Amino acid sequence: MWIPYDLRASLKGETDRETLRLSRADGQPRQFLVGFFLRNPVTQAWELDLAAEDGLPELPAVPAGASFSICPNEAGKLAEVIYRLPARSATEALELAHADLQPRLLAWLARVGRGMAIAGWRVADMTHRARWRSTPFRPSAMSLDFALAPVDRDLAPVVELFQRARNAPDPASRLLAAFAVLSAAVGHPAMAGSGAATLSITQDMLIHSGAIVLPDPLMGIALADLIALLRPEHDRLVGRDGVLLPVLDDLAGQKRLSLLANLADLVAHRLIQAELAARHQSAPAPAMAAGA
């Protein structure tokens, strides 16, 4: 079962509904805490290869009145950065803190040359005691027939692109790989049985990928229309000379890119599954043993 790997567009309440409602209804500036969980993209551990220790002083941040703290784990590695800042809502607090942390993370990465990524975050309204969280979850293990035959040689390149999409640690890379699968579905001979010509975006796809919250008219569009909608996002990630371009989106832009990547990734999986099903149905039945 396909699951979205990037949930940065969601913010799940951790306190009761009334507490969350009071916080959302309050438009006055007040104190928020925003904690960013950090991840090593190589080991996938929720820590960075940066030595840290308890008790370090808070450091000034943007906007005025904001500060951040370095929080180590038991191994003495940086695991979380916690911002204390004034804001009018949890969403504003998250956006302000993220806008300050992202360029700092780039500075740290440039100085030491180690991989660094934001794994998720938590937000707390200190006035109303409301809390939210957005972190990846570990899905349950699935059953599989390990005797499955290898993927056919002609289809392997397309599935390898999907593997890149599933393994990508960031939405930009995932969108590029999934977009390649969608493009192959409308012209590559290996995807002739995928049903690309009749595929349309369903409500289930939008809900499952999280793209249901996007304002774009996605419901019911054909694959060709989805590719056309994704094309500008793809092209701004790759220059005309084929060289990757930087993605310096703010948090709102990252959320949109994440949801579009999720949708492209999901549709790519549906197309590959349909192709595999079509090949299975057209495969000749195994010959019965003599005397059976």
Protein backbone atom coordinates (compact mmCIF):
# COMPACT_ATOMS: atom_id res chain seq x y z
CA MET A 1 0.00 0.00 0.00
CA TRP A 2 1.41 3.38 -1.04
CA ILE A 3 1.82 5.92 1.76
CA PRO A 4 2.97 9.55 1.62
CA TYR A 5 6.47 9.96 3.01
CA ASP A 6 6.46 13.75 3.26
CA LEU A 7 3.83 15.12 5.62
CA ARG A 8 5.16 18.65 6.04
CA ALA A 9 1.82 20.06 4.85
CA SER A 10 -0.02 18.65 7.86
CA LEU A 11 -0.15 19.97 11.42
CA LYS A 12 -1.91 17.56 13.77
CA GLY A 13 -3.41 18.87 17.00
CA GLU A 14 -2.17 17.15 20.16
CA THR A 15 -4.50 18.81 22.65
CA ASP A 16 -8.29 18.82 22.92
CA ARG A 17 -10.42 20.57 20.28
CA GLU A 18 -11.53 23.42 22.54
CA THR A 19 -7.95 24.32 23.39
CA LEU A 20 -7.02 24.29 19.71
CA ARG A 21 -10.10 26.37 18.85
CA LEU A 22 -9.28 29.03 21.42
CA SER A 23 -5.76 29.29 20.07
CA ARG A 24 -6.93 29.62 16.46
CA ALA A 25 -9.50 32.26 17.43
CA ASP A 26 -6.95 34.44 19.22
CA GLY A 27 -5.35 36.93 16.84
CA GLN A 28 -3.20 38.70 19.43
CA PRO A 29 0.62 38.43 19.44
CA ARG A 30 1.81 35.97 22.07
CA GLN A 31 4.60 33.54 22.84
CA PHE A 32 5.04 30.32 20.86
CA LEU A 33 7.56 27.50 20.96
CA VAL A 34 8.50 25.78 17.71
CA GLY A 35 10.73 22.71 17.83
CA PHE A 36 12.37 21.29 14.70
CA PHE A 37 13.43 17.64 14.74
CA LEU A 38 16.56 17.13 12.64
CA ARG A 39 17.54 14.10 10.57
CA ASN A 40 20.72 12.64 9.11
CA PRO A 41 19.78 11.78 5.48
CA VAL A 42 22.39 9.02 5.35
CA THR A 43 21.65 7.07 8.52
CA GLN A 44 18.02 8.30 8.74
CA ALA A 45 18.64 8.80 12.47
CA TRP A 46 16.89 11.78 14.04
CA GLU A 47 20.14 13.51 14.86
CA LEU A 48 22.86 15.46 13.07
CA ASP A 49 26.58 14.80 13.10
CA LEU A 50 27.04 17.94 15.16
CA ALA A 51 28.26 17.79 18.74
CA ALA A 52 25.93 19.56 21.17
CA GLU A 53 25.56 19.81 24.91
CA ASP A 54 22.87 20.74 27.41
CA GLY A 55 22.77 24.17 28.94
CA LEU A 56 23.96 26.24 25.99
CA PRO A 57 22.58 29.80 26.05
CA GLU A 58 19.69 30.79 23.79
CA LEU A 59 20.80 32.49 20.59
CA PRO A 60 19.07 35.47 18.94
CA ALA A 61 16.96 34.82 15.85
CA VAL A 62 14.66 36.64 13.44
CA PRO A 63 12.13 38.24 13.95
CA ALA A 64 12.88 40.65 16.79
CA GLY A 65 12.27 39.03 20.13
CA ALA A 66 12.89 35.51 18.81
CA SER A 67 15.58 33.14 20.02
CA PHE A 68 16.54 29.48 19.56
CA SER A 69 18.05 26.75 21.69
CA ILE A 70 20.25 23.81 20.74
CA CYS A 71 18.98 20.49 22.14
CA PRO A 72 21.22 17.40 22.11
CA ASN A 73 20.18 13.78 22.45
CA GLU A 74 21.66 11.26 24.89
CA ALA A 75 24.57 10.65 22.50
CA GLY A 76 25.52 14.33 22.57
CA LYS A 77 24.44 15.00 18.99
CA LEU A 78 22.16 17.81 17.85
CA ALA A 79 18.62 16.43 17.65
CA GLU A 80 16.29 19.41 17.91
CA VAL A 81 16.33 23.18 17.58
CA ILE A 82 13.65 24.96 19.63
CA TYR A 83 12.54 28.49 18.79
CA ARG A 84 10.85 30.86 21.23
CA LEU A 85 9.15 33.71 19.38
CA PRO A 86 6.14 36.04 19.27
CA ALA A 87 3.42 35.31 16.69
CA ARG A 88 -0.33 35.60 16.14
CA SER A 89 -0.95 31.93 15.33
CA ALA A 90 0.71 28.53 15.27
CA THR A 91 1.00 28.70 11.49
CA GLU A 92 2.69 32.11 11.60
CA ALA A 93 5.05 30.96 14.33
CA LEU A 94 6.02 27.89 12.30
CA GLU A 95 6.60 29.92 9.14
CA LEU A 96 8.71 32.54 10.93
CA ALA A 97 10.83 29.95 12.73
CA HIS A 98 11.29 27.88 9.58
CA ALA A 99 12.36 30.98 7.61
CA ASP A 100 15.08 31.60 10.20
CA LEU A 101 16.27 27.99 10.57
CA GLN A 102 16.53 27.00 6.90
CA PRO A 103 19.36 29.43 5.99
CA ARG A 104 21.10 28.59 9.27
CA LEU A 105 20.95 24.91 8.35
CA LEU A 106 22.53 25.74 4.99
CA ALA A 107 25.32 27.62 6.79
CA TRP A 108 25.99 24.67 9.10
CA LEU A 109 25.92 22.24 6.17
CA ALA A 110 28.28 24.39 4.10
CA ARG A 111 30.75 24.65 6.98
CA VAL A 112 31.00 20.96 7.91
CA GLY A 113 29.89 19.23 4.69
CA ARG A 114 27.54 16.77 6.41
CA GLY A 115 23.99 15.95 5.33
CA MET A 116 21.25 17.74 7.25
CA ALA A 117 17.47 17.80 6.94
CA ILE A 118 14.41 18.79 8.92
CA ALA A 119 12.47 15.68 9.92
CA GLY A 120 9.39 17.35 11.41
CA TRP A 121 8.26 19.90 13.94
CA ARG A 122 6.09 20.64 16.95
CA VAL A 123 4.40 23.90 17.90
CA ALA A 124 3.09 25.07 21.27
CA ASP A 125 0.94 28.11 22.06
CA MET A 126 2.19 29.10 25.51
CA THR A 127 -0.89 31.21 26.28
CA HIS A 128 -3.60 28.66 25.47
CA ARG A 129 -1.47 25.52 26.06
CA ALA A 130 -2.37 24.24 22.61
CA ARG A 131 0.06 21.92 20.85
CA TRP A 132 0.50 20.61 17.30
CA ARG A 133 2.93 18.20 15.67
CA SER A 134 3.97 17.15 12.18
CA THR A 135 6.27 14.14 12.08
CA PRO A 136 6.65 11.09 9.83
CA PHE A 137 5.12 7.86 11.06
CA ARG A 138 6.32 4.28 10.76
CA PRO A 139 3.70 2.23 8.90
CA SER A 140 2.98 -1.38 9.68
CA ALA A 141 4.91 -4.07 7.83
CA MET A 142 3.25 -5.58 4.76
CA SER A 143 3.13 -9.16 3.61
CA LEU A 144 4.80 -10.05 0.31
CA ASP A 145 5.28 -13.12 -1.81
CA PHE A 146 9.08 -13.14 -1.92
CA ALA A 147 8.97 -15.65 -4.79
CA LEU A 148 7.72 -12.93 -7.16
CA ALA A 149 9.47 -13.03 -10.52
CA PRO A 150 11.89 -10.18 -11.25
CA VAL A 151 10.52 -7.15 -13.07
CA ASP A 152 10.66 -7.59 -16.84
CA ARG A 153 13.77 -6.13 -18.42
CA ASP A 154 11.87 -3.55 -20.49
CA LEU A 155 9.90 -2.30 -17.47
CA ALA A 156 12.85 -2.19 -15.08
CA PRO A 157 13.99 1.35 -16.06
CA VAL A 158 10.54 2.77 -15.29
CA VAL A 159 10.33 0.96 -11.94
CA GLU A 160 13.85 2.14 -11.12
CA LEU A 161 12.64 5.73 -11.56
CA PHE A 162 9.78 4.96 -9.18
CA GLN A 163 12.32 3.51 -6.75
CA ARG A 164 14.13 6.85 -6.84
CA ALA A 165 10.87 8.64 -6.08
CA ARG A 166 10.18 6.37 -3.11
CA ASN A 167 13.73 6.64 -1.79
CA ALA A 168 14.13 10.40 -2.29
CA PRO A 169 14.58 12.31 0.98
CA ASP A 170 13.16 15.57 -0.39
CA PRO A 171 10.04 16.53 -2.40
CA ALA A 172 11.96 18.12 -5.28
CA SER A 173 13.85 14.90 -6.05
CA ARG A 174 10.69 12.85 -5.57
CA LEU A 175 8.74 15.02 -8.00
CA LEU A 176 11.46 14.80 -10.65
CA ALA A 177 11.58 11.00 -10.48
CA ALA A 178 7.80 10.53 -10.33
CA PHE A 179 7.30 12.99 -13.19
CA ALA A 180 9.61 10.84 -15.31
CA VAL A 181 7.39 7.83 -14.64
CA LEU A 182 4.25 9.77 -15.60
CA SER A 183 5.92 10.91 -18.81
CA ALA A 184 6.96 7.34 -19.62
CA ALA A 185 3.38 6.16 -19.10
CA VAL A 186 2.13 8.22 -22.05
CA GLY A 187 4.76 7.12 -24.54
CA HIS A 188 7.08 4.37 -23.39
CA PRO A 189 6.29 0.96 -24.94
CA ALA A 190 6.92 -0.74 -21.62
CA MET A 191 3.91 1.10 -20.14
CA ALA A 192 1.46 0.27 -22.94
CA GLY A 193 -0.77 -1.70 -20.55
CA SER A 194 -0.82 0.89 -17.76
CA GLY A 195 -4.14 2.42 -18.77
CA ALA A 196 -2.57 5.88 -18.94
CA ALA A 197 -5.00 7.01 -21.63
CA THR A 198 -8.03 6.48 -19.39
CA LEU A 199 -6.56 7.38 -15.99
CA SER A 200 -8.13 10.32 -14.17
CA ILE A 201 -7.40 11.82 -10.76
CA THR A 202 -9.90 10.57 -8.20
CA GLN A 203 -10.91 11.92 -4.81
CA ASP A 204 -9.23 8.91 -3.23
CA MET A 205 -5.91 9.87 -4.86
CA LEU A 206 -6.22 13.45 -3.66
CA ILE A 207 -7.08 12.46 -0.10
CA HIS A 208 -4.42 9.78 0.08
CA SER A 209 -1.68 12.09 -1.19
CA GLY A 210 -2.90 15.09 0.82
CA ALA A 211 -3.29 17.11 -2.40
CA ILE A 212 -7.01 17.53 -1.64
CA VAL A 213 -6.11 20.79 0.18
CA LEU A 214 -4.52 22.36 -2.90
CA PRO A 215 -6.56 25.03 -4.71
CA ASP A 216 -5.62 23.62 -8.12
CA PRO A 217 -8.47 22.00 -10.12
CA LEU A 218 -7.22 18.42 -9.81
CA MET A 219 -10.38 16.34 -9.44
CA GLY A 220 -11.14 14.30 -12.54
CA ILE A 221 -8.29 15.60 -14.69
CA ALA A 222 -6.59 13.21 -17.10
CA LEU A 223 -2.96 12.14 -16.87
CA ALA A 224 -1.99 14.52 -19.68
CA ASP A 225 -3.52 17.40 -17.74
CA LEU A 226 -1.69 16.37 -14.57
CA ILE A 227 1.60 16.30 -16.47
CA ALA A 228 0.85 19.77 -17.88
CA LEU A 229 0.11 21.05 -14.36
CA LEU A 230 3.33 19.54 -12.99
CA ARG A 231 5.48 20.70 -15.92
CA PRO A 232 6.21 24.20 -14.53
CA GLU A 233 7.26 22.69 -11.19
CA HIS A 234 9.49 20.22 -13.01
CA ASP A 235 11.02 22.86 -15.25
CA ARG A 236 11.88 25.20 -12.39
CA LEU A 237 13.85 22.36 -10.80
CA VAL A 238 15.88 21.63 -13.94
CA GLY A 239 17.44 24.34 -16.10
CA ARG A 240 17.35 24.37 -19.88
CA ASP A 241 20.85 22.91 -19.98
CA GLY A 242 19.73 19.98 -17.82
CA VAL A 243 21.51 21.17 -14.67
CA LEU A 244 19.62 21.06 -11.38
CA LEU A 245 18.46 24.41 -10.05
CA PRO A 246 18.24 25.39 -6.37
CA VAL A 247 14.87 25.33 -4.62
CA LEU A 248 14.75 28.17 -2.13
CA ASP A 249 11.02 27.99 -1.41
CA ASP A 250 9.53 29.35 1.77
CA LEU A 251 7.53 26.93 3.91
CA ALA A 252 4.30 27.55 1.96
CA GLY A 253 6.11 26.77 -1.30
CA GLN A 254 7.65 23.65 0.20
CA LYS A 255 4.23 22.45 1.32
CA ARG A 256 2.80 22.85 -2.18
CA LEU A 257 5.78 21.11 -3.77
CA SER A 258 5.50 18.30 -1.22
CA LEU A 259 1.82 17.69 -1.99
CA LEU A 260 2.35 17.74 -5.75
CA ALA A 261 5.25 15.33 -5.35
CA ASN A 262 3.06 13.05 -3.24
CA LEU A 263 0.36 13.04 -5.92
CA ALA A 264 2.82 12.38 -8.75
CA ASP A 265 4.42 9.61 -6.69
CA LEU A 266 1.03 7.99 -5.97
CA VAL A 267 -0.14 8.15 -9.60
CA ALA A 268 3.18 6.70 -10.76
CA HIS A 269 2.61 3.73 -8.45
CA ARG A 270 -0.96 3.22 -9.70
CA LEU A 271 0.25 3.20 -13.32
CA ILE A 272 3.03 0.69 -12.63
CA GLN A 273 0.62 -1.54 -10.71
CA ALA A 274 -1.82 -1.42 -13.64
CA GLU A 275 0.97 -2.33 -16.06
CA LEU A 276 2.02 -5.29 -13.91
CA ALA A 277 -1.60 -6.46 -13.63
CA ALA A 278 -2.05 -6.25 -17.39
CA ARG A 279 1.08 -8.29 -17.99
CA HIS A 280 -0.02 -10.89 -15.47
CA GLN A 281 -3.41 -11.28 -17.17
CA SER A 282 -1.88 -11.64 -20.62
CA ALA A 283 0.81 -14.11 -19.53
CA PRO A 284 0.25 -17.68 -20.82
CA ALA A 285 -0.98 -20.14 -18.22
CA PRO A 286 1.68 -22.59 -17.03
CA ALA A 287 1.58 -25.92 -18.80
CA MET A 288 0.09 -28.76 -16.74
CA ALA A 289 2.40 -31.59 -15.87
CA ALA A 290 1.92 -34.82 -17.84
CA GLY A 291 -0.53 -37.16 -16.18
CA ALA A 292 -2.06 -34.46 -14.01
